[in-house]
């Protein structure tokens, strides 16, 4: 199948269901990939831990 044929098929699908593509794009942008945080390096894990601790610290001071 050539690139032109694939483009024609994609265009027909977009014309038949334009909101489906929008819904997919919004869902993917909002959900993301939580597994990417677990696969991160040491620096990523340290930064996330610091952010979580700072969040708990701020919440504990705001609630009292």
PDB file of N, CA and C in Angstrom:
ATOM      1  N   UNK A   1       0.856  -1.160   0.000  1.00  0.00           N
ATOM      2  CA  UNK A   1       0.000   0.000   0.000  1.00  0.00           C
ATOM      3  C   UNK A   1       0.914   1.238   0.000  1.00  0.00           C
ATOM      4  N   UNK A   2       0.646   2.133  -0.903  1.00  0.00           N
ATOM      5  CA  UNK A   2       1.486   3.321  -1.026  1.00  0.00           C
ATOM      6  C   UNK A   2       1.091   4.380   0.003  1.00  0.00           C
ATOM      7  N   UNK A   3       1.935   5.363   0.141  1.00  0.00           N
ATOM      8  CA  UNK A   3       1.691   6.450   1.088  1.00  0.00           C
ATOM      9  C   UNK A   3       0.446   7.244   0.701  1.00  0.00           C
ATOM     10  N   UNK A   4       0.228   7.438  -0.587  1.00  0.00           N
ATOM     11  CA  UNK A   4      -0.961   8.167  -1.048  1.00  0.00           C
ATOM     12  C   UNK A   4      -2.242   7.442  -0.672  1.00  0.00           C
ATOM     13  N   UNK A   5      -2.248   6.121  -0.824  1.00  0.00           N
ATOM     14  CA  UNK A   5      -3.433   5.345  -0.466  1.00  0.00           C
ATOM     15  C   UNK A   5      -3.697   5.417   1.035  1.00  0.00           C
ATOM     16  N   UNK A   6      -2.631   5.357   1.839  1.00  0.00           N
ATOM     17  CA  UNK A   6      -2.790   5.458   3.285  1.00  0.00           C
ATOM     18  C   UNK A   6      -3.327   6.834   3.677  1.00  0.00           C
ATOM     19  N   UNK A   7      -2.840   7.876   3.018  1.00  0.00           N
ATOM     20  CA  UNK A   7      -3.327   9.222   3.296  1.00  0.00           C
ATOM     21  C   UNK A   7      -4.800   9.370   2.936  1.00  0.00           C
ATOM     22  N   UNK A   8      -5.212   8.772   1.816  1.00  0.00           N
ATOM     23  CA  UNK A   8      -6.618   8.839   1.418  1.00  0.00           C
ATOM     24  C   UNK A   8      -7.514   8.133   2.432  1.00  0.00           C
ATOM     25  N   UNK A   9      -7.061   6.995   2.923  1.00  0.00           N
ATOM     26  CA  UNK A   9      -7.837   6.247   3.923  1.00  0.00           C
ATOM     27  C   UNK A   9      -7.961   7.059   5.208  1.00  0.00           C
ATOM     28  N   UNK A  10      -6.853   7.678   5.647  1.00  0.00           N
ATOM     29  CA  UNK A  10      -6.888   8.489   6.866  1.00  0.00           C
ATOM     30  C   UNK A  10      -7.810   9.688   6.703  1.00  0.00           C
ATOM     31  N   UNK A  11      -7.780  10.325   5.533  1.00  0.00           N
ATOM     32  CA  UNK A  11      -8.644  11.477   5.284  1.00  0.00           C
ATOM     33  C   UNK A  11     -10.111  11.085   5.297  1.00  0.00           C
ATOM     34  N   UNK A  12     -10.434   9.919   4.700  1.00  0.00           N
ATOM     35  CA  UNK A  12     -11.821   9.445   4.717  1.00  0.00           C
ATOM     36  C   UNK A  12     -12.273   9.174   6.143  1.00  0.00           C
ATOM     37  N   UNK A  13     -11.401   8.582   6.954  1.00  0.00           N
ATOM     38  CA  UNK A  13     -11.746   8.297   8.343  1.00  0.00           C
ATOM     39  C   UNK A  13     -11.961   9.593   9.122  1.00  0.00           C
ATOM     40  N   UNK A  14     -11.151  10.588   8.878  1.00  0.00           N
ATOM     41  CA  UNK A  14     -11.314  11.884   9.559  1.00  0.00           C
ATOM     42  C   UNK A  14     -12.629  12.544   9.163  1.00  0.00           C
ATOM     43  N   UNK A  15     -13.015  12.408   7.894  1.00  0.00           N
ATOM     44  CA  UNK A  15     -14.265  13.006   7.446  1.00  0.00           C
ATOM     45  C   UNK A  15     -15.465  12.274   8.032  1.00  0.00           C
ATOM     46  N   UNK A  16     -15.368  10.964   8.185  1.00  0.00           N
ATOM     47  CA  UNK A  16     -16.482  10.188   8.731  1.00  0.00           C
ATOM     48  C   UNK A  16     -16.640  10.419  10.233  1.00  0.00           C
ATOM     49  N   UNK A  17     -15.527  10.548  10.946  1.00  0.00           N
ATOM     50  CA  UNK A  17     -15.581  10.632  12.399  1.00  0.00           C
ATOM     51  C   UNK A  17     -14.598  11.686  12.915  1.00  0.00           C
ATOM     52  N   UNK A  18     -14.899  12.967  12.724  1.00  0.00           N
ATOM     53  CA  UNK A  18     -13.941  14.002  13.137  1.00  0.00           C
ATOM     54  C   UNK A  18     -13.805  14.132  14.657  1.00  0.00           C
ATOM     55  N   UNK A  19     -14.860  13.868  15.404  1.00  0.00           N
ATOM     56  CA  UNK A  19     -14.785  14.010  16.860  1.00  0.00           C
ATOM     57  C   UNK A  19     -14.055  12.851  17.515  1.00  0.00           C
ATOM     58  N   UNK A  20     -13.972  11.725  16.859  1.00  0.00           N
ATOM     59  CA  UNK A  20     -13.243  10.586  17.410  1.00  0.00           C
ATOM     60  C   UNK A  20     -11.765  10.880  17.546  1.00  0.00           C
ATOM     61  N   UNK A  21     -11.210  11.539  16.556  1.00  0.00           N
ATOM     62  CA  UNK A  21      -9.797  11.887  16.623  1.00  0.00           C
ATOM     63  C   UNK A  21      -9.543  12.908  17.721  1.00  0.00           C
ATOM     64  N   UNK A  22     -10.451  13.857  17.889  1.00  0.00           N
ATOM     65  CA  UNK A  22     -10.305  14.854  18.933  1.00  0.00           C
ATOM     66  C   UNK A  22     -10.383  14.201  20.314  1.00  0.00           C
ATOM     67  N   UNK A  23     -11.324  13.299  20.486  1.00  0.00           N
ATOM     68  CA  UNK A  23     -11.475  12.619  21.773  1.00  0.00           C
ATOM     69  C   UNK A  23     -10.232  11.810  22.112  1.00  0.00           C
ATOM     70  N   UNK A  24      -9.674  11.118  21.135  1.00  0.00           N
ATOM     71  CA  UNK A  24      -8.451  10.350  21.367  1.00  0.00           C
ATOM     72  C   UNK A  24      -7.299  11.267  21.765  1.00  0.00           C
ATOM     73  N   UNK A  25      -7.172  12.389  21.090  1.00  0.00           N
ATOM     74  CA  UNK A  25      -6.081  13.316  21.387  1.00  0.00           C
ATOM     75  C   UNK A  25      -6.217  13.890  22.794  1.00  0.00           C
ATOM     76  N   UNK A  26      -7.442  14.246  23.189  1.00  0.00           N
ATOM     77  CA  UNK A  26      -7.656  14.802  24.524  1.00  0.00           C
ATOM     78  C   UNK A  26      -7.391  13.752  25.583  1.00  0.00           C
ATOM     79  N   UNK A  27      -7.861  12.534  25.378  1.00  0.00           N
ATOM     80  CA  UNK A  27      -7.648  11.476  26.362  1.00  0.00           C
ATOM     81  C   UNK A  27      -6.166  11.193  26.547  1.00  0.00           C
ATOM     82  N   UNK A  28      -5.419  11.136  25.466  1.00  0.00           N
ATOM     83  CA  UNK A  28      -3.994  10.835  25.570  1.00  0.00           C
ATOM     84  C   UNK A  28      -3.241  11.982  26.233  1.00  0.00           C
ATOM     85  N   UNK A  29      -3.644  13.212  25.991  1.00  0.00           N
ATOM     86  CA  UNK A  29      -2.931  14.335  26.584  1.00  0.00           C
ATOM     87  C   UNK A  29      -3.226  14.469  28.068  1.00  0.00           C
ATOM     88  N   UNK A  30      -4.416  14.075  28.499  1.00  0.00           N
ATOM     89  CA  UNK A  30      -4.771  14.221  29.904  1.00  0.00           C
ATOM     90  C   UNK A  30      -4.234  13.063  30.738  1.00  0.00           C
ATOM     91  N   UNK A  31      -4.230  11.877  30.207  1.00  0.00           N
ATOM     92  CA  UNK A  31      -3.843  10.713  30.984  1.00  0.00           C
ATOM     93  C   UNK A  31      -2.331  10.597  31.067  1.00  0.00           C
ATOM     94  N   UNK A  32      -1.654  10.688  29.951  1.00  0.00           N
ATOM     95  CA  UNK A  32      -0.208  10.558  29.960  1.00  0.00           C
ATOM     96  C   UNK A  32       0.231   9.132  30.214  1.00  0.00           C
ATOM     97  N   UNK A  33       1.447   8.980  30.662  1.00  0.00           N
ATOM     98  CA  UNK A  33       2.011   7.661  30.915  1.00  0.00           C
ATOM     99  C   UNK A  33       2.612   7.641  32.308  1.00  0.00           C
ATOM    100  N   UNK A  34       1.870   7.168  33.328  1.00  0.00           N
ATOM    101  CA  UNK A  34       2.424   7.154  34.681  1.00  0.00           C
ATOM    102  C   UNK A  34       3.613   6.216  34.823  1.00  0.00           C
ATOM    103  N   UNK A  35       3.728   5.236  33.953  1.00  0.00           N
ATOM    104  CA  UNK A  35       4.874   4.333  33.999  1.00  0.00           C
ATOM    105  C   UNK A  35       6.176   5.025  33.646  1.00  0.00           C
ATOM    106  N   UNK A  36       6.091   6.168  32.966  1.00  0.00           N
ATOM    107  CA  UNK A  36       7.303   6.904  32.606  1.00  0.00           C
ATOM    108  C   UNK A  36       8.010   7.420  33.852  1.00  0.00           C
ATOM    109  N   UNK A  37       7.252   7.738  34.896  1.00  0.00           N
ATOM    110  CA  UNK A  37       7.885   8.180  36.137  1.00  0.00           C
ATOM    111  C   UNK A  37       8.684   7.060  36.784  1.00  0.00           C
ATOM    112  N   UNK A  38       8.177   5.843  36.727  1.00  0.00           N
ATOM    113  CA  UNK A  38       8.874   4.710  37.329  1.00  0.00           C
ATOM    114  C   UNK A  38      10.129   4.350  36.537  1.00  0.00           C
ATOM    115  N   UNK A  39      10.093   4.593  35.231  1.00  0.00           N
ATOM    116  CA  UNK A  39      11.256   4.271  34.405  1.00  0.00           C
ATOM    117  C   UNK A  39      12.312   5.371  34.436  1.00  0.00           C
ATOM    118  N   UNK A  40      11.999   6.489  35.099  1.00  0.00           N
ATOM    119  CA  UNK A  40      12.920   7.610  35.140  1.00  0.00           C
ATOM    120  C   UNK A  40      14.203   7.258  35.861  1.00  0.00           C
ATOM    121  N   UNK A  41      15.175   8.117  35.705  1.00  0.00           N
ATOM    122  CA  UNK A  41      16.458   7.900  36.341  1.00  0.00           C
ATOM    123  C   UNK A  41      16.424   8.270  37.815  1.00  0.00           C
ATOM    124  N   UNK A  42      17.581   8.252  38.426  1.00  0.00           N
ATOM    125  CA  UNK A  42      17.716   8.546  39.849  1.00  0.00           C
ATOM    126  C   UNK A  42      17.302   9.985  40.142  1.00  0.00           C
ATOM    127  N   UNK A  43      17.699  10.911  39.299  1.00  0.00           N
ATOM    128  CA  UNK A  43      17.364  12.323  39.508  1.00  0.00           C
ATOM    129  C   UNK A  43      15.854  12.544  39.458  1.00  0.00           C
ATOM    130  N   UNK A  44      15.183  11.880  38.545  1.00  0.00           N
ATOM    131  CA  UNK A  44      13.726  12.004  38.437  1.00  0.00           C
ATOM    132  C   UNK A  44      13.046  11.514  39.707  1.00  0.00           C
ATOM    133  N   UNK A  45      13.488  10.391  40.225  1.00  0.00           N
ATOM    134  CA  UNK A  45      12.886   9.832  41.436  1.00  0.00           C
ATOM    135  C   UNK A  45      13.139  10.732  42.640  1.00  0.00           C
ATOM    136  N   UNK A  46      14.334  11.308  42.725  1.00  0.00           N
ATOM    137  CA  UNK A  46      14.646  12.213  43.835  1.00  0.00           C
ATOM    138  C   UNK A  46      13.769  13.460  43.765  1.00  0.00           C
ATOM    139  N   UNK A  47      13.613  14.029  42.573  1.00  0.00           N
ATOM    140  CA  UNK A  47      12.782  15.221  42.420  1.00  0.00           C
ATOM    141  C   UNK A  47      11.328  14.945  42.776  1.00  0.00           C
ATOM    142  N   UNK A  48      10.815  13.818  42.366  1.00  0.00           N
ATOM    143  CA  UNK A  48       9.428  13.462  42.688  1.00  0.00           C
ATOM    144  C   UNK A  48       9.259  13.290  44.187  1.00  0.00           C
ATOM    145  N   UNK A  49      10.233  12.662  44.829  1.00  0.00           N
ATOM    146  CA  UNK A  49      10.181  12.475  46.276  1.00  0.00           C
ATOM    147  C   UNK A  49      10.206  13.824  46.999  1.00  0.00           C
ATOM    148  N   UNK A  50      11.036  14.745  46.544  1.00  0.00           N
ATOM    149  CA  UNK A  50      11.093  16.077  47.153  1.00  0.00           C
ATOM    150  C   UNK A  50       9.768  16.811  46.971  1.00  0.00           C
ATOM    151  N   UNK A  51       9.170  16.698  45.803  1.00  0.00           N
ATOM    152  CA  UNK A  51       7.880  17.351  45.557  1.00  0.00           C
ATOM    153  C   UNK A  51       6.796  16.783  46.468  1.00  0.00           C
ATOM    154  N   UNK A  52       6.783  15.476  46.647  1.00  0.00           N
ATOM    155  CA  UNK A  52       5.782  14.839  47.512  1.00  0.00           C
ATOM    156  C   UNK A  52       5.976  15.280  48.963  1.00  0.00           C
ATOM    157  N   UNK A  53       7.220  15.296  49.431  1.00  0.00           N
ATOM    158  CA  UNK A  53       7.490  15.712  50.814  1.00  0.00           C
ATOM    159  C   UNK A  53       7.097  17.171  51.008  1.00  0.00           C
ATOM    160  N   UNK A  54       7.434  18.026  50.049  1.00  0.00           N
ATOM    161  CA  UNK A  54       7.064  19.445  50.149  1.00  0.00           C
ATOM    162  C   UNK A  54       5.544  19.597  50.171  1.00  0.00           C
ATOM    163  N   UNK A  55       4.834  18.808  49.389  1.00  0.00           N
ATOM    164  CA  UNK A  55       3.368  18.854  49.394  1.00  0.00           C
ATOM    165  C   UNK A  55       2.791  18.486  50.745  1.00  0.00           C
ATOM    166  N   UNK A  56       3.314  17.411  51.358  1.00  0.00           N
ATOM    167  CA  UNK A  56       2.849  17.032  52.692  1.00  0.00           C
ATOM    168  C   UNK A  56       3.167  18.109  53.711  1.00  0.00           C
ATOM    169  N   UNK A  57       4.337  18.702  53.600  1.00  0.00           N
ATOM    170  CA  UNK A  57       4.747  19.773  54.529  1.00  0.00           C
ATOM    171  C   UNK A  57       3.808  20.964  54.420  1.00  0.00           C
ATOM    172  N   UNK A  58       3.490  21.363  53.202  1.00  0.00           N
ATOM    173  CA  UNK A  58       2.589  22.502  53.003  1.00  0.00           C
ATOM    174  C   UNK A  58       1.186  22.178  53.504  1.00  0.00           C
ATOM    175  N   UNK A  59       0.703  20.982  53.215  1.00  0.00           N
ATOM    176  CA  UNK A  59      -0.627  20.597  53.690  1.00  0.00           C
ATOM    177  C   UNK A  59      -0.698  20.529  55.204  1.00  0.00           C
ATOM    178  N   UNK A  60       0.361  20.071  55.853  1.00  0.00           N
ATOM    179  CA  UNK A  60       0.334  19.973  57.316  1.00  0.00           C
ATOM    180  C   UNK A  60       0.326  21.357  57.960  1.00  0.00           C
ATOM    181  N   UNK A  61       0.997  22.326  57.355  1.00  0.00           N
ATOM    182  CA  UNK A  61       1.009  23.674  57.920  1.00  0.00           C
ATOM    183  C   UNK A  61      -0.284  24.429  57.612  1.00  0.00           C
ATOM    184  N   UNK A  62      -0.918  24.122  56.512  1.00  0.00           N
ATOM    185  CA  UNK A  62      -2.163  24.811  56.158  1.00  0.00           C
ATOM    186  C   UNK A  62      -3.342  24.297  56.973  1.00  0.00           C
ATOM    187  N   UNK A  63      -3.280  23.052  57.408  1.00  0.00           N
ATOM    188  CA  UNK A  63      -4.420  22.477  58.109  1.00  0.00           C
ATOM    189  C   UNK A  63      -4.429  22.820  59.591  1.00  0.00           C
ATOM    190  N   UNK A  64      -3.327  23.286  60.153  1.00  0.00           N
ATOM    191  CA  UNK A  64      -3.297  23.583  61.591  1.00  0.00           C
ATOM    192  C   UNK A  64      -3.497  25.045  61.894  1.00  0.00           C
TER     193      UNK A  64
END
